[in-house]
Amino acid sequence: MVVSHISFECEKIRKAPRYEYLLPATSSGNRSDPGCDASWTLKNGTVIAVRGPYPNFTAPAVHVEDDRLLTDHCERDLFYHMDCIDGISEEIQFHSSDPTNAADNGYWWIVLILIIVVLCLAAILVFRRLRRGRLFGRKEPCQNVDKSSSDEPLV
């Protein structure tokens, strides 16, 4: 079994707007062999990409080839595993000292939309109060009082 550890900085593997994990040249040369199963996993064991004649991937992976994986953000730890029928196996650990976090990068636009909606609602309320003249504590002028409702007798 060939085991390798690759340390890197996220900016060095960034191919805007993605991150490219490139496998180093190997002596086995079996990465494109159909008799080999290869997968990319996160530290917790979740498989995010499977290489083969019918590549399959899930977030954060966006593309997989025989010798590379593209993701939408930089992971702290990512693993490549390859097992072949002829007994050759390979494991490569990619370790970043400066990972990006998907939660930090992925949800900022939702917060921005919520802020805009709240500001629009506040502006609507302020303008409605301005139109009615009640924004600064002014009272509306009294309406004409109906004189027929007084207690004085009608002549």
N, C-alpha and C. Protein backbone atom coordinates (compact mmCIF):
# COMPACT_ATOMS: atom_id res chain seq x y z
N MET A 1 0.85 -1.18 0.00
CA MET A 1 0.00 0.00 0.00
C MET A 1 0.89 1.24 0.00
N VAL A 2 0.58 2.14 -0.90
CA VAL A 2 1.29 3.40 -0.99
C VAL A 2 0.49 4.44 -0.21
N VAL A 3 1.13 5.07 0.78
CA VAL A 3 0.47 6.09 1.60
C VAL A 3 1.25 7.38 1.46
N SER A 4 0.54 8.46 1.14
CA SER A 4 1.18 9.77 0.99
C SER A 4 0.42 10.82 1.77
N HIS A 5 1.14 11.82 2.22
CA HIS A 5 0.52 12.97 2.90
C HIS A 5 0.95 14.23 2.15
N ILE A 6 -0.04 15.02 1.79
CA ILE A 6 0.25 16.26 1.07
C ILE A 6 -0.31 17.43 1.87
N SER A 7 0.57 18.34 2.28
CA SER A 7 0.15 19.54 2.98
C SER A 7 0.16 20.70 1.98
N PHE A 8 -0.81 21.60 2.13
CA PHE A 8 -0.92 22.69 1.17
C PHE A 8 -1.66 23.87 1.80
N GLU A 9 -1.63 24.99 1.11
CA GLU A 9 -2.42 26.16 1.47
C GLU A 9 -3.52 26.29 0.43
N CYS A 10 -4.70 26.68 0.86
CA CYS A 10 -5.85 26.74 -0.03
C CYS A 10 -5.62 27.63 -1.25
N GLU A 11 -4.95 28.74 -1.07
CA GLU A 11 -4.72 29.65 -2.19
C GLU A 11 -3.88 29.01 -3.29
N LYS A 12 -3.04 28.05 -2.91
CA LYS A 12 -2.18 27.41 -3.91
C LYS A 12 -2.93 26.41 -4.79
N ILE A 13 -4.07 25.89 -4.32
CA ILE A 13 -4.84 24.95 -5.13
C ILE A 13 -6.09 25.60 -5.71
N ARG A 14 -6.25 26.88 -5.47
CA ARG A 14 -7.44 27.58 -5.95
C ARG A 14 -7.34 27.82 -7.46
N LYS A 15 -8.35 27.35 -8.16
CA LYS A 15 -8.53 27.60 -9.59
C LYS A 15 -9.91 28.25 -9.69
N ALA A 16 -9.93 29.58 -9.54
CA ALA A 16 -11.17 30.34 -9.36
C ALA A 16 -12.29 29.84 -10.24
N PRO A 17 -13.46 29.65 -9.69
CA PRO A 17 -13.89 29.81 -8.31
C PRO A 17 -13.83 28.51 -7.52
N ARG A 18 -13.09 27.53 -7.98
CA ARG A 18 -13.04 26.20 -7.35
C ARG A 18 -11.67 25.91 -6.74
N TYR A 19 -11.59 24.74 -6.09
CA TYR A 19 -10.33 24.26 -5.53
C TYR A 19 -10.01 22.92 -6.18
N GLU A 20 -8.77 22.78 -6.68
CA GLU A 20 -8.38 21.58 -7.42
C GLU A 20 -7.38 20.76 -6.62
N TYR A 21 -7.80 19.55 -6.26
CA TYR A 21 -6.92 18.60 -5.58
C TYR A 21 -6.33 17.70 -6.67
N LEU A 22 -5.04 17.87 -6.93
CA LEU A 22 -4.38 17.15 -8.01
C LEU A 22 -3.53 16.03 -7.40
N LEU A 23 -3.74 14.82 -7.90
CA LEU A 23 -2.97 13.68 -7.40
C LEU A 23 -1.56 13.72 -7.98
N PRO A 24 -0.56 13.40 -7.17
CA PRO A 24 0.81 13.38 -7.68
C PRO A 24 1.02 12.18 -8.61
N ALA A 25 2.06 12.27 -9.45
CA ALA A 25 2.39 11.13 -10.33
C ALA A 25 2.70 9.93 -9.45
N THR A 26 2.26 8.78 -9.87
CA THR A 26 2.46 7.57 -9.07
C THR A 26 3.21 6.51 -9.88
N SER A 27 3.89 5.65 -9.16
CA SER A 27 4.63 4.59 -9.84
C SER A 27 3.70 3.46 -10.29
N SER A 28 2.55 3.34 -9.64
CA SER A 28 1.64 2.25 -9.99
C SER A 28 0.98 2.47 -11.35
N GLY A 29 0.68 3.70 -11.69
CA GLY A 29 0.10 4.02 -13.00
C GLY A 29 -1.27 3.43 -13.23
N ASN A 30 -1.97 3.03 -12.20
CA ASN A 30 -3.26 2.35 -12.34
C ASN A 30 -4.47 3.25 -12.15
N ARG A 31 -4.31 4.53 -12.07
CA ARG A 31 -5.45 5.40 -11.74
C ARG A 31 -6.57 5.34 -12.76
N SER A 32 -6.25 5.05 -14.01
CA SER A 32 -7.30 4.98 -15.03
C SER A 32 -7.71 3.53 -15.33
N ASP A 33 -7.14 2.58 -14.62
CA ASP A 33 -7.44 1.16 -14.82
C ASP A 33 -8.87 0.86 -14.36
N PRO A 34 -9.71 0.24 -15.21
CA PRO A 34 -11.08 -0.08 -14.80
C PRO A 34 -11.14 -1.12 -13.68
N GLY A 35 -10.04 -1.82 -13.43
CA GLY A 35 -10.00 -2.80 -12.34
C GLY A 35 -9.70 -2.18 -10.99
N CYS A 36 -9.67 -0.85 -10.94
CA CYS A 36 -9.38 -0.15 -9.69
C CYS A 36 -10.58 0.69 -9.27
N ASP A 37 -10.89 0.64 -8.00
CA ASP A 37 -11.93 1.50 -7.43
C ASP A 37 -11.25 2.64 -6.71
N ALA A 38 -11.68 3.85 -7.02
CA ALA A 38 -11.08 5.03 -6.38
C ALA A 38 -12.18 5.93 -5.85
N SER A 39 -11.95 6.48 -4.67
CA SER A 39 -12.93 7.39 -4.07
C SER A 39 -12.22 8.48 -3.29
N TRP A 40 -12.95 9.58 -3.12
CA TRP A 40 -12.50 10.71 -2.33
C TRP A 40 -13.42 10.81 -1.12
N THR A 41 -12.83 10.92 0.08
CA THR A 41 -13.66 10.99 1.29
C THR A 41 -13.23 12.14 2.18
N LEU A 42 -14.18 12.57 3.01
CA LEU A 42 -13.89 13.56 4.04
C LEU A 42 -13.31 12.86 5.25
N LYS A 43 -12.88 13.61 6.23
CA LYS A 43 -12.26 13.03 7.44
C LYS A 43 -13.22 12.11 8.18
N ASN A 44 -14.53 12.45 8.15
CA ASN A 44 -15.52 11.64 8.88
C ASN A 44 -15.92 10.37 8.11
N GLY A 45 -15.32 10.13 6.93
CA GLY A 45 -15.59 8.93 6.17
C GLY A 45 -16.65 9.09 5.09
N THR A 46 -17.25 10.27 4.98
CA THR A 46 -18.26 10.52 3.96
C THR A 46 -17.63 10.54 2.58
N VAL A 47 -18.13 9.70 1.68
CA VAL A 47 -17.62 9.65 0.31
C VAL A 47 -18.24 10.81 -0.46
N ILE A 48 -17.39 11.66 -1.05
CA ILE A 48 -17.91 12.80 -1.81
C ILE A 48 -17.70 12.63 -3.31
N ALA A 49 -16.85 11.68 -3.72
CA ALA A 49 -16.65 11.46 -5.15
C ALA A 49 -16.13 10.04 -5.39
N VAL A 50 -16.60 9.46 -6.49
CA VAL A 50 -16.14 8.15 -6.93
C VAL A 50 -15.73 8.28 -8.38
N ARG A 51 -14.51 7.88 -8.66
CA ARG A 51 -13.98 7.95 -10.01
C ARG A 51 -14.31 6.66 -10.73
N GLY A 52 -14.47 6.74 -12.01
CA GLY A 52 -14.72 5.54 -12.79
C GLY A 52 -15.36 5.88 -14.11
N PRO A 53 -15.86 4.85 -14.79
CA PRO A 53 -16.49 5.12 -16.08
C PRO A 53 -17.75 5.99 -15.92
N TYR A 54 -18.36 5.92 -14.76
CA TYR A 54 -19.55 6.74 -14.46
C TYR A 54 -19.28 7.52 -13.18
N PRO A 55 -18.53 8.62 -13.28
CA PRO A 55 -18.16 9.38 -12.08
C PRO A 55 -19.40 9.84 -11.31
N ASN A 56 -19.27 9.83 -10.01
CA ASN A 56 -20.36 10.24 -9.14
C ASN A 56 -19.77 11.15 -8.06
N PHE A 57 -20.45 12.24 -7.74
CA PHE A 57 -19.95 13.14 -6.70
C PHE A 57 -21.09 13.89 -6.04
N THR A 58 -20.85 14.30 -4.80
CA THR A 58 -21.79 15.11 -4.04
C THR A 58 -21.02 16.25 -3.39
N ALA A 59 -21.76 17.24 -2.90
CA ALA A 59 -21.14 18.43 -2.29
C ALA A 59 -20.19 18.01 -1.18
N PRO A 60 -19.05 18.62 -1.09
CA PRO A 60 -18.57 19.81 -1.75
C PRO A 60 -17.90 19.56 -3.11
N ALA A 61 -17.83 18.31 -3.56
CA ALA A 61 -17.21 18.01 -4.86
C ALA A 61 -18.11 18.51 -5.99
N VAL A 62 -17.48 19.04 -7.04
CA VAL A 62 -18.24 19.50 -8.20
C VAL A 62 -17.79 18.80 -9.49
N HIS A 63 -16.63 18.11 -9.46
CA HIS A 63 -16.15 17.40 -10.65
C HIS A 63 -15.05 16.43 -10.20
N VAL A 64 -15.02 15.27 -10.83
CA VAL A 64 -13.98 14.30 -10.51
C VAL A 64 -13.44 13.69 -11.81
N GLU A 65 -12.12 13.50 -11.85
CA GLU A 65 -11.44 12.83 -12.97
C GLU A 65 -10.48 11.81 -12.37
N ASP A 66 -9.75 11.10 -13.24
CA ASP A 66 -8.82 10.08 -12.76
C ASP A 66 -7.76 10.66 -11.82
N ASP A 67 -7.28 11.86 -12.12
CA ASP A 67 -6.15 12.41 -11.36
C ASP A 67 -6.47 13.69 -10.59
N ARG A 68 -7.74 14.08 -10.48
CA ARG A 68 -8.06 15.34 -9.78
C ARG A 68 -9.50 15.36 -9.29
N LEU A 69 -9.71 16.24 -8.33
CA LEU A 69 -11.05 16.49 -7.79
C LEU A 69 -11.21 18.00 -7.67
N LEU A 70 -12.36 18.52 -8.08
CA LEU A 70 -12.68 19.93 -7.91
C LEU A 70 -13.77 20.06 -6.86
N THR A 71 -13.56 21.00 -5.93
CA THR A 71 -14.56 21.25 -4.89
C THR A 71 -14.93 22.72 -4.87
N ASP A 72 -16.05 23.03 -4.21
CA ASP A 72 -16.47 24.43 -4.16
C ASP A 72 -15.87 25.18 -2.98
N HIS A 73 -15.23 24.48 -2.06
CA HIS A 73 -14.48 25.14 -0.99
C HIS A 73 -13.32 24.23 -0.57
N CYS A 74 -12.41 24.82 0.14
CA CYS A 74 -11.20 24.11 0.56
C CYS A 74 -11.47 23.35 1.85
N GLU A 75 -11.15 22.08 1.86
CA GLU A 75 -11.34 21.22 3.04
C GLU A 75 -10.05 21.12 3.84
N ARG A 76 -10.18 20.99 5.16
CA ARG A 76 -8.99 20.81 6.00
C ARG A 76 -8.34 19.46 5.73
N ASP A 77 -9.13 18.39 5.72
CA ASP A 77 -8.61 17.05 5.47
C ASP A 77 -9.47 16.36 4.41
N LEU A 78 -8.82 15.84 3.40
CA LEU A 78 -9.50 15.13 2.33
C LEU A 78 -8.65 13.91 1.99
N PHE A 79 -9.30 12.78 1.72
CA PHE A 79 -8.58 11.53 1.48
C PHE A 79 -8.93 10.95 0.13
N TYR A 80 -7.92 10.42 -0.54
CA TYR A 80 -8.09 9.69 -1.80
C TYR A 80 -7.72 8.24 -1.51
N HIS A 81 -8.62 7.32 -1.88
CA HIS A 81 -8.37 5.88 -1.69
C HIS A 81 -8.51 5.18 -3.03
N MET A 82 -7.56 4.30 -3.35
CA MET A 82 -7.66 3.50 -4.56
C MET A 82 -7.27 2.06 -4.23
N ASP A 83 -8.14 1.13 -4.60
CA ASP A 83 -7.87 -0.30 -4.43
C ASP A 83 -8.05 -0.98 -5.78
N CYS A 84 -7.06 -1.78 -6.16
CA CYS A 84 -7.11 -2.47 -7.45
C CYS A 84 -7.23 -3.98 -7.25
N ILE A 85 -7.76 -4.64 -8.27
CA ILE A 85 -7.93 -6.08 -8.23
C ILE A 85 -6.59 -6.80 -8.09
N ASP A 86 -5.55 -6.24 -8.70
CA ASP A 86 -4.22 -6.89 -8.65
C ASP A 86 -3.51 -6.68 -7.32
N GLY A 87 -4.19 -6.09 -6.32
CA GLY A 87 -3.61 -5.95 -4.99
C GLY A 87 -2.95 -4.61 -4.71
N ILE A 88 -2.80 -3.79 -5.72
CA ILE A 88 -2.19 -2.48 -5.51
C ILE A 88 -3.22 -1.55 -4.89
N SER A 89 -2.79 -0.84 -3.87
CA SER A 89 -3.68 0.15 -3.26
C SER A 89 -2.88 1.41 -2.94
N GLU A 90 -3.61 2.49 -2.88
CA GLU A 90 -2.97 3.78 -2.67
C GLU A 90 -3.89 4.62 -1.78
N GLU A 91 -3.29 5.37 -0.86
CA GLU A 91 -4.05 6.30 -0.02
C GLU A 91 -3.25 7.60 0.07
N ILE A 92 -3.94 8.70 -0.20
CA ILE A 92 -3.31 10.01 -0.12
C ILE A 92 -4.17 10.90 0.76
N GLN A 93 -3.52 11.52 1.74
CA GLN A 93 -4.21 12.48 2.60
C GLN A 93 -3.79 13.89 2.20
N PHE A 94 -4.79 14.73 1.91
CA PHE A 94 -4.54 16.14 1.65
C PHE A 94 -4.89 16.89 2.93
N HIS A 95 -3.95 17.69 3.42
CA HIS A 95 -4.18 18.45 4.66
C HIS A 95 -3.89 19.93 4.41
N SER A 96 -4.87 20.75 4.76
CA SER A 96 -4.72 22.20 4.58
C SER A 96 -4.51 22.87 5.92
N SER A 97 -3.65 23.87 5.93
CA SER A 97 -3.44 24.64 7.16
C SER A 97 -4.38 25.84 7.24
N ASP A 98 -5.11 26.12 6.16
CA ASP A 98 -6.00 27.29 6.14
C ASP A 98 -7.30 27.00 5.38
N PRO A 99 -8.12 26.06 5.87
CA PRO A 99 -9.33 25.69 5.12
C PRO A 99 -10.38 26.79 5.13
N THR A 100 -11.22 26.77 4.10
CA THR A 100 -12.40 27.64 4.10
C THR A 100 -13.55 26.82 4.62
N ASN A 101 -14.54 27.48 5.12
CA ASN A 101 -15.69 26.78 5.69
C ASN A 101 -16.90 27.03 4.80
N ALA A 102 -17.57 25.97 4.38
CA ALA A 102 -18.73 26.12 3.50
C ALA A 102 -19.85 26.90 4.16
N ALA A 103 -20.05 26.71 5.44
CA ALA A 103 -21.13 27.43 6.11
C ALA A 103 -20.87 28.92 6.12
N ASP A 104 -19.61 29.30 6.31
CA ASP A 104 -19.29 30.72 6.31
C ASP A 104 -19.47 31.32 4.92
N ASN A 105 -19.12 30.57 3.89
CA ASN A 105 -19.17 31.10 2.53
C ASN A 105 -20.50 30.89 1.85
N GLY A 106 -21.28 29.92 2.29
CA GLY A 106 -22.48 29.57 1.57
C GLY A 106 -23.75 30.29 1.98
N TYR A 107 -23.82 30.79 3.18
CA TYR A 107 -25.07 31.35 3.67
C TYR A 107 -25.07 32.86 3.80
N TRP A 108 -24.02 33.54 3.42
CA TRP A 108 -23.97 35.00 3.56
C TRP A 108 -25.05 35.67 2.74
N TRP A 109 -25.40 35.11 1.60
CA TRP A 109 -26.40 35.76 0.75
C TRP A 109 -27.79 35.68 1.35
N ILE A 110 -28.08 34.63 2.13
CA ILE A 110 -29.38 34.53 2.80
C ILE A 110 -29.50 35.62 3.85
N VAL A 111 -28.44 35.85 4.61
CA VAL A 111 -28.44 36.91 5.62
C VAL A 111 -28.60 38.27 4.94
N LEU A 112 -27.94 38.47 3.83
CA LEU A 112 -28.05 39.72 3.09
C LEU A 112 -29.49 39.97 2.62
N ILE A 113 -30.14 38.96 2.10
CA ILE A 113 -31.53 39.10 1.65
C ILE A 113 -32.44 39.43 2.83
N LEU A 114 -32.26 38.78 3.96
CA LEU A 114 -33.08 39.07 5.14
C LEU A 114 -32.89 40.51 5.61
N ILE A 115 -31.67 41.00 5.59
CA ILE A 115 -31.42 42.39 5.99
C ILE A 115 -32.12 43.35 5.03
N ILE A 116 -32.06 43.09 3.75
CA ILE A 116 -32.71 43.95 2.77
C ILE A 116 -34.22 43.95 2.96
N VAL A 117 -34.81 42.80 3.21
CA VAL A 117 -36.26 42.72 3.43
C VAL A 117 -36.66 43.52 4.67
N VAL A 118 -35.92 43.38 5.74
CA VAL A 118 -36.22 44.13 6.97
C VAL A 118 -36.10 45.63 6.73
N LEU A 119 -35.07 46.06 6.03
CA LEU A 119 -34.91 47.48 5.73
C LEU A 119 -36.04 48.01 4.85
N CYS A 120 -36.48 47.22 3.89
CA CYS A 120 -37.60 47.64 3.03
C CYS A 120 -38.88 47.79 3.84
N LEU A 121 -39.15 46.83 4.72
CA LEU A 121 -40.35 46.92 5.56
C LEU A 121 -40.29 48.14 6.48
N ALA A 122 -39.13 48.41 7.06
CA ALA A 122 -38.98 49.58 7.92
C ALA A 122 -39.19 50.86 7.12
N ALA A 123 -38.68 50.93 5.90
CA ALA A 123 -38.86 52.12 5.06
C ALA A 123 -40.33 52.32 4.71
N ILE A 124 -41.03 51.25 4.42
CA ILE A 124 -42.47 51.36 4.11
C ILE A 124 -43.23 51.90 5.31
N LEU A 125 -42.94 51.40 6.49
CA LEU A 125 -43.62 51.89 7.70
C LEU A 125 -43.32 53.36 7.95
N VAL A 126 -42.09 53.78 7.79
CA VAL A 126 -41.72 55.18 8.01
C VAL A 126 -42.44 56.08 7.02
N PHE A 127 -42.46 55.71 5.76
CA PHE A 127 -43.12 56.55 4.75
C PHE A 127 -44.63 56.62 4.96
N ARG A 128 -45.23 55.55 5.42
CA ARG A 128 -46.68 55.57 5.70
C ARG A 128 -46.98 56.52 6.85
N ARG A 129 -46.14 56.49 7.86
CA ARG A 129 -46.35 57.40 9.00
C ARG A 129 -46.09 58.85 8.59
N LEU A 130 -45.13 59.08 7.73
CA LEU A 130 -44.87 60.44 7.25
C LEU A 130 -46.07 60.98 6.48
N ARG A 131 -46.67 60.14 5.66
CA ARG A 131 -47.84 60.57 4.88
C ARG A 131 -49.00 60.94 5.80
N ARG A 132 -49.15 60.25 6.88
CA ARG A 132 -50.25 60.52 7.80
C ARG A 132 -49.89 61.62 8.81
N GLY A 133 -48.65 62.03 8.80
CA GLY A 133 -48.22 63.10 9.71
C GLY A 133 -48.06 62.67 11.14
N ARG A 134 -47.89 61.39 11.39
CA ARG A 134 -47.79 60.90 12.76
C ARG A 134 -46.38 60.48 13.14
N LEU A 135 -45.42 60.76 12.34
CA LEU A 135 -44.08 60.29 12.63
C LEU A 135 -43.47 60.99 13.84
N PHE A 136 -43.68 62.30 13.96
CA PHE A 136 -43.04 63.05 15.03
C PHE A 136 -44.02 63.42 16.12
N GLY A 137 -45.07 62.67 16.31
CA GLY A 137 -46.00 62.87 17.41
C GLY A 137 -47.10 63.88 17.13
N ARG A 138 -47.24 64.36 15.91
CA ARG A 138 -48.33 65.28 15.60
C ARG A 138 -49.64 64.51 15.60
N LYS A 139 -50.66 65.19 16.10
CA LYS A 139 -51.97 64.56 16.08
C LYS A 139 -52.70 65.02 14.83
N GLU A 140 -53.55 64.16 14.35
CA GLU A 140 -54.33 64.53 13.18
C GLU A 140 -55.31 65.62 13.56
N PRO A 141 -55.64 66.56 12.65
CA PRO A 141 -56.60 67.62 12.95
C PRO A 141 -57.97 67.01 13.23
N CYS A 142 -58.71 67.69 14.12
CA CYS A 142 -60.04 67.21 14.48
C CYS A 142 -60.97 67.33 13.30
N GLN A 143 -61.90 66.41 13.21
CA GLN A 143 -62.90 66.43 12.16
C GLN A 143 -64.03 67.37 12.58
N ASN A 144 -64.82 67.80 11.61
CA ASN A 144 -65.98 68.65 11.92
C ASN A 144 -66.92 67.91 12.85
N VAL A 145 -67.35 68.60 13.89
CA VAL A 145 -68.24 68.00 14.88
C VAL A 145 -69.67 68.24 14.42
N ASP A 146 -70.49 67.23 14.50
CA ASP A 146 -71.89 67.35 14.11
C ASP A 146 -72.64 68.09 15.21
N LYS A 147 -73.21 69.27 14.89
CA LYS A 147 -73.86 70.10 15.89
C LYS A 147 -75.21 69.56 16.29
N SER A 148 -75.77 68.66 15.56
CA SER A 148 -77.08 68.13 15.91
C SER A 148 -77.02 67.19 17.09
N SER A 149 -75.85 66.84 17.50
CA SER A 149 -75.73 65.92 18.61
C SER A 149 -75.61 66.65 19.93
N SER A 150 -75.66 67.96 19.94
CA SER A 150 -75.56 68.70 21.20
C SER A 150 -76.84 68.59 21.97
N ASP A 151 -76.79 68.98 23.25
CA ASP A 151 -77.94 68.89 24.13
C ASP A 151 -78.89 70.09 24.00
N GLU A 152 -78.54 71.06 23.24
CA GLU A 152 -79.40 72.25 23.09
C GLU A 152 -80.61 71.89 22.26
N PRO A 153 -81.78 72.45 22.68
CA PRO A 153 -83.00 72.16 21.92
C PRO A 153 -82.95 72.83 20.54
N LEU A 154 -83.51 72.21 19.58
CA LEU A 154 -83.57 72.77 18.24
C LEU A 154 -84.77 73.68 18.12
N VAL A 155 -84.65 74.86 17.54
CA VAL A 155 -85.75 75.82 17.40
C VAL A 155 -86.29 75.79 16.00
